Structures are given as C-alpha cells and as structure tokens.
Amino acid sequence: MRVRRGGRVRKVDPAFWPFVPSLPLFGVLLTSYLVLGLALSPVGVAGDDVAVATASGAGDGNRSSANSDSSAQDKAESVPMVGRPAEVKTRVLFAHGDYQLSSEASAALAEFVAEIERHEVRGVRVAGYADATGPAPVNDVVSLDRARAVADFLRAELSDAELVVEVIGHGSARPAADNGSPEGREANRRVEIVAGIACDD
C-alpha cells in the first residue's frame, strides 16, 4: 500500500495497513488526551502534594499533635484527679536456689507496703523469676516459691486482709539480664511486685 505525504508517495509496510485509516482518529484522541490532561493536572497534582506532605511531614504533623496533647495533659494534671489509676512497682532479689527473704528484701517490701497504703490499693501482682542455671522444671518451682514468699509477707503487712494478691512464677523464661554473667544471673533471680492503686493526689 502507498500513502501520499507532502507530494511524495511513501510505501507502507503491509503489516501496518489495517492501522492507516485510523491514523487521523488517533491524532484527534491524542490531542484530546493532552488537552484534558493539562486541564485536569492541577487537581491531580494538588491531591498528590497533600499525600506526599502528609507522608513526608508525618513527623511534623505528629509533633504538632503531640504538642497539643502535651498542653492538654498539662492542664489536666493541674487539676486533682481522684481515682486516677496508677501503679507502684518494686523488685527484690534472691540468692541462688533460695526463696527466703533476705533482710534487705524484707526492708524493701516494708517500704513498698508503706508507700501503697497511702493510696487505695486495687490489687497486687507478684511475679517470681529464676536464672537459667538449673533445669527448667526446677526454675519454675523456685520462681513460684519466691513469689509466694513475697506474697505471704505482703498479706501479713497489708491492712486490707481481703486484698487480692496474684501470684505467678515464670521460671527462667523472661530474663531481665544476660544469664552469661554473675551480675546478670543475680538480676534474674528476682520477684517483681506491681500494685494497682487509685491515686488521689
């Protein structure tokens, strides 16, 4: 097939013959696409700018939000909040393989009781732990014995005999430090106590 263009006859590859009659239509569609695209591009770009600003400026957005939350929190804290839930925590350590309270542990627990009794105590959770030097079943028993020793001390010292004291032993499953050093193992032979209170001040 031959196409006359600019006074010259140009031979067209037979593979393109079906598309030759549609070339003018293609030109119209392309022109329309470009015109419409330019006309609509401000809307599309604006949307993209908002999305990018939100993503790239996420830190700034969060920072301003955090500042607002902080000022609101400051205002709230300036007013006494009766019954506001809070926690008081402490920790006592044990000798290797032992679950008896040392004098230092007893003194620390006595201070803990004096502190939480200044508030309305909602409940106490006592969790015992062990280092990883012994068999897991033994560590489970020792950690629970340690938690029970602390719970017994608390029940004897607390004025509310009806207060719920939850006792649990985790064995060596949740170390607080590396068991590879004596200091780490000592830190893991512990009982952690958390008291839920209603803070009146």
Protein backbone atom coordinates (compact mmCIF):
# COMPACT_ATOMS: atom_id res chain seq x y z
CA MET A 1 0.00 0.00 0.00
CA ARG A 2 1.23 3.54 -0.80
CA VAL A 3 0.46 6.74 1.13
CA ARG A 4 0.96 10.17 -0.40
CA ARG A 5 2.56 12.57 2.04
CA GLY A 6 3.90 16.03 1.07
CA GLY A 7 3.80 15.28 -2.62
CA ARG A 8 5.78 12.14 -2.13
CA VAL A 9 4.49 8.62 -2.29
CA ARG A 10 5.67 6.53 0.60
CA LYS A 11 5.41 2.78 0.69
CA VAL A 12 3.83 1.43 3.90
CA ASP A 13 4.68 -1.94 5.29
CA PRO A 14 1.73 -4.33 4.76
CA ALA A 15 1.76 -5.13 8.49
CA PHE A 16 0.53 -1.57 9.20
CA TRP A 17 -2.23 -1.45 6.55
CA PRO A 18 -5.11 -2.01 8.99
CA PHE A 19 -3.97 1.00 11.07
CA VAL A 20 -3.51 3.53 8.29
CA PRO A 21 -7.20 4.61 8.04
CA SER A 22 -7.30 5.14 11.83
CA LEU A 23 -4.29 7.49 11.98
CA PRO A 24 -6.39 10.70 11.83
CA LEU A 25 -8.62 9.37 14.61
CA PHE A 26 -5.56 8.55 16.68
CA GLY A 27 -4.31 12.12 16.24
CA VAL A 28 -7.63 13.51 17.47
CA LEU A 29 -7.63 11.24 20.51
CA LEU A 30 -4.04 12.12 21.36
CA THR A 31 -4.77 15.84 21.12
CA SER A 32 -7.87 15.47 23.30
CA TYR A 33 -5.92 13.48 25.86
CA LEU A 34 -3.18 16.10 26.08
CA VAL A 35 -5.66 18.98 26.36
CA LEU A 36 -7.75 17.26 29.02
CA GLY A 37 -4.66 16.11 30.87
CA LEU A 38 -3.30 19.64 31.11
CA ALA A 39 -6.69 20.96 32.15
CA LEU A 40 -7.10 18.43 34.92
CA SER A 41 -3.50 18.23 36.09
CA PRO A 42 -3.78 20.93 38.83
CA VAL A 43 -6.39 18.85 40.64
CA GLY A 44 -4.33 15.69 40.37
CA VAL A 45 -1.12 17.40 41.43
CA ALA A 46 -2.81 19.03 44.40
CA GLY A 47 -4.00 15.67 45.61
CA ASP A 48 -0.55 14.19 45.22
CA ASP A 49 1.01 17.11 47.07
CA VAL A 50 -1.29 16.59 50.02
CA ALA A 51 -0.48 12.89 50.17
CA VAL A 52 3.25 13.49 49.95
CA ALA A 53 3.16 16.26 52.52
CA THR A 54 1.29 14.03 54.90
CA ALA A 55 3.77 11.22 54.44
CA SER A 56 6.99 13.21 54.37
CA GLY A 57 5.80 15.59 57.06
CA ALA A 58 4.38 12.87 59.27
CA GLY A 59 6.87 13.75 61.97
CA ASP A 60 5.86 17.45 61.91
CA GLY A 61 2.21 16.53 61.99
CA ASN A 62 2.74 14.20 64.90
CA ARG A 63 4.91 16.75 66.61
CA SER A 64 2.23 19.44 66.50
CA SER A 65 -0.35 16.88 67.59
CA ALA A 66 1.90 15.76 70.40
CA ASN A 67 2.33 19.37 71.49
CA SER A 68 -1.43 19.78 71.63
CA ASP A 69 -1.80 16.58 73.61
CA SER A 70 1.00 17.65 75.92
CA SER A 71 -0.60 21.01 76.71
CA ALA A 72 -3.94 19.31 77.29
CA GLN A 73 -2.27 16.81 79.57
CA ASP A 74 -0.54 19.61 81.50
CA LYS A 75 -3.88 21.30 82.04
CA ALA A 76 -5.45 18.04 83.15
CA GLU A 77 -2.64 17.30 85.59
CA SER A 78 -3.00 20.70 87.20
CA VAL A 79 -6.42 19.57 88.45
CA PRO A 80 -6.56 16.86 91.15
CA MET A 81 -7.73 13.59 89.61
CA VAL A 82 -9.48 11.49 92.22
CA GLY A 83 -9.44 7.78 91.49
CA ARG A 84 -6.86 8.04 88.70
CA PRO A 85 -5.39 4.56 88.15
CA ALA A 86 -1.65 4.19 88.66
CA GLU A 87 0.96 1.58 89.51
CA VAL A 88 3.64 1.30 92.16
CA LYS A 89 6.43 -1.17 91.41
CA THR A 90 9.35 -2.68 93.24
CA ARG A 91 11.72 -5.64 92.93
CA VAL A 92 13.61 -7.86 95.35
CA LEU A 93 16.49 -10.26 94.62
CA PHE A 94 17.30 -13.73 95.91
CA ALA A 95 20.36 -15.90 96.41
CA HIS A 96 20.97 -18.79 94.03
CA GLY A 97 18.49 -21.62 94.62
CA ASP A 98 16.90 -19.77 97.55
CA TYR A 99 13.43 -18.38 98.11
CA GLN A 100 13.86 -16.99 101.63
CA LEU A 101 13.60 -13.23 102.01
CA SER A 102 16.81 -11.51 103.00
CA SER A 103 16.79 -8.64 105.49
CA GLU A 104 17.31 -6.22 102.62
CA ALA A 105 14.36 -7.70 100.72
CA SER A 106 12.13 -7.52 103.79
CA ALA A 107 13.06 -3.88 104.37
CA ALA A 108 12.35 -3.02 100.74
CA LEU A 109 8.96 -4.75 100.90
CA ALA A 110 8.09 -2.93 104.13
CA GLU A 111 8.79 0.38 102.40
CA PHE A 112 6.69 -0.76 99.46
CA VAL A 113 3.75 -1.56 101.73
CA ALA A 114 4.03 1.82 103.45
CA GLU A 115 4.01 3.55 100.07
CA ILE A 116 0.98 1.79 98.59
CA GLU A 117 -1.04 2.05 101.80
CA ARG A 118 -1.06 5.80 101.31
CA HIS A 119 -3.48 5.15 98.44
CA GLU A 120 -6.48 2.99 97.70
CA VAL A 121 -4.95 -0.30 96.61
CA ARG A 122 -6.87 -2.10 93.86
CA GLY A 123 -4.75 -5.25 93.73
CA VAL A 124 -1.21 -6.59 93.83
CA ARG A 125 0.56 -8.81 91.31
CA VAL A 126 3.63 -10.76 92.42
CA ALA A 127 5.76 -12.44 89.72
CA GLY A 128 8.73 -14.66 90.51
CA TYR A 129 11.69 -15.40 88.22
CA ALA A 130 14.84 -17.53 88.19
CA ASP A 131 18.15 -17.54 86.37
CA ALA A 132 18.90 -20.17 83.72
CA THR A 133 21.50 -22.25 85.56
CA GLY A 134 19.17 -25.05 86.64
CA PRO A 135 16.67 -27.31 84.86
CA ALA A 136 13.54 -25.56 83.67
CA PRO A 137 11.15 -27.52 85.95
CA VAL A 138 13.27 -26.62 89.00
CA ASN A 139 13.40 -22.98 87.96
CA ASP A 140 9.62 -22.94 87.61
CA VAL A 141 9.20 -24.20 91.17
CA VAL A 142 11.83 -21.87 92.64
CA SER A 143 10.36 -18.82 90.92
CA LEU A 144 6.90 -19.65 92.23
CA ASP A 145 8.24 -20.23 95.76
CA ARG A 146 9.92 -16.83 95.65
CA ALA A 147 6.69 -15.17 94.56
CA ARG A 148 4.77 -16.94 97.34
CA ALA A 149 7.30 -15.81 99.96
CA VAL A 150 6.84 -12.21 98.88
CA ALA A 151 3.05 -12.55 98.72
CA ASP A 152 2.96 -14.00 102.24
CA PHE A 153 4.97 -11.05 103.51
CA LEU A 154 2.65 -8.57 101.81
CA ARG A 155 -0.51 -10.25 103.10
CA ALA A 156 0.88 -10.12 106.63
CA GLU A 157 1.79 -6.43 106.36
CA LEU A 158 -1.15 -5.03 104.39
CA SER A 159 -4.03 -3.70 106.45
CA ASP A 160 -6.65 -4.94 103.97
CA ALA A 161 -6.90 -8.67 104.56
CA GLU A 162 -9.33 -9.01 101.64
CA LEU A 163 -6.93 -7.54 99.10
CA VAL A 164 -6.33 -9.81 96.11
CA VAL A 165 -2.67 -10.73 95.69
CA GLU A 166 -1.98 -12.52 92.41
CA VAL A 167 1.00 -14.90 92.48
CA ILE A 168 2.75 -16.31 89.42
CA GLY A 169 6.09 -17.95 88.66
CA HIS A 170 7.77 -17.50 85.27
CA GLY A 171 10.83 -19.65 85.85
CA SER A 172 13.76 -18.56 83.71
CA ALA A 173 11.61 -17.78 80.67
CA ARG A 174 11.74 -13.98 80.98
CA PRO A 175 15.24 -12.88 81.92
CA ALA A 176 15.85 -9.26 82.82
CA ALA A 177 19.57 -9.54 82.06
CA ASP A 178 22.10 -11.79 80.35
CA ASN A 179 22.50 -15.13 82.15
CA GLY A 180 26.08 -15.32 80.91
CA SER A 181 27.44 -13.20 83.76
CA PRO A 182 27.10 -13.43 87.57
CA GLU A 183 25.58 -9.96 87.65
CA GLY A 184 23.03 -10.92 85.03
CA ARG A 185 22.06 -14.11 86.83
CA GLU A 186 21.68 -12.18 90.09
CA ALA A 187 19.36 -9.70 88.39
CA ASN A 188 17.27 -12.60 87.06
CA ARG A 189 16.76 -14.17 90.50
CA ARG A 190 14.05 -11.71 91.34
CA VAL A 191 10.45 -11.07 92.26
CA GLU A 192 8.67 -8.12 90.70
CA ILE A 193 5.72 -6.59 92.53
CA VAL A 194 3.16 -4.29 90.94
CA ALA A 195 0.38 -2.67 92.96
CA GLY A 196 -2.56 -1.10 91.18
CA ILE A 197 -3.75 1.95 93.10
CA ALA A 198 -6.21 4.79 92.80
CA CYS A 199 -4.07 7.90 93.02
CA ASP A 200 -5.89 10.62 94.99
CA ASP A 201 -3.18 13.27 94.78
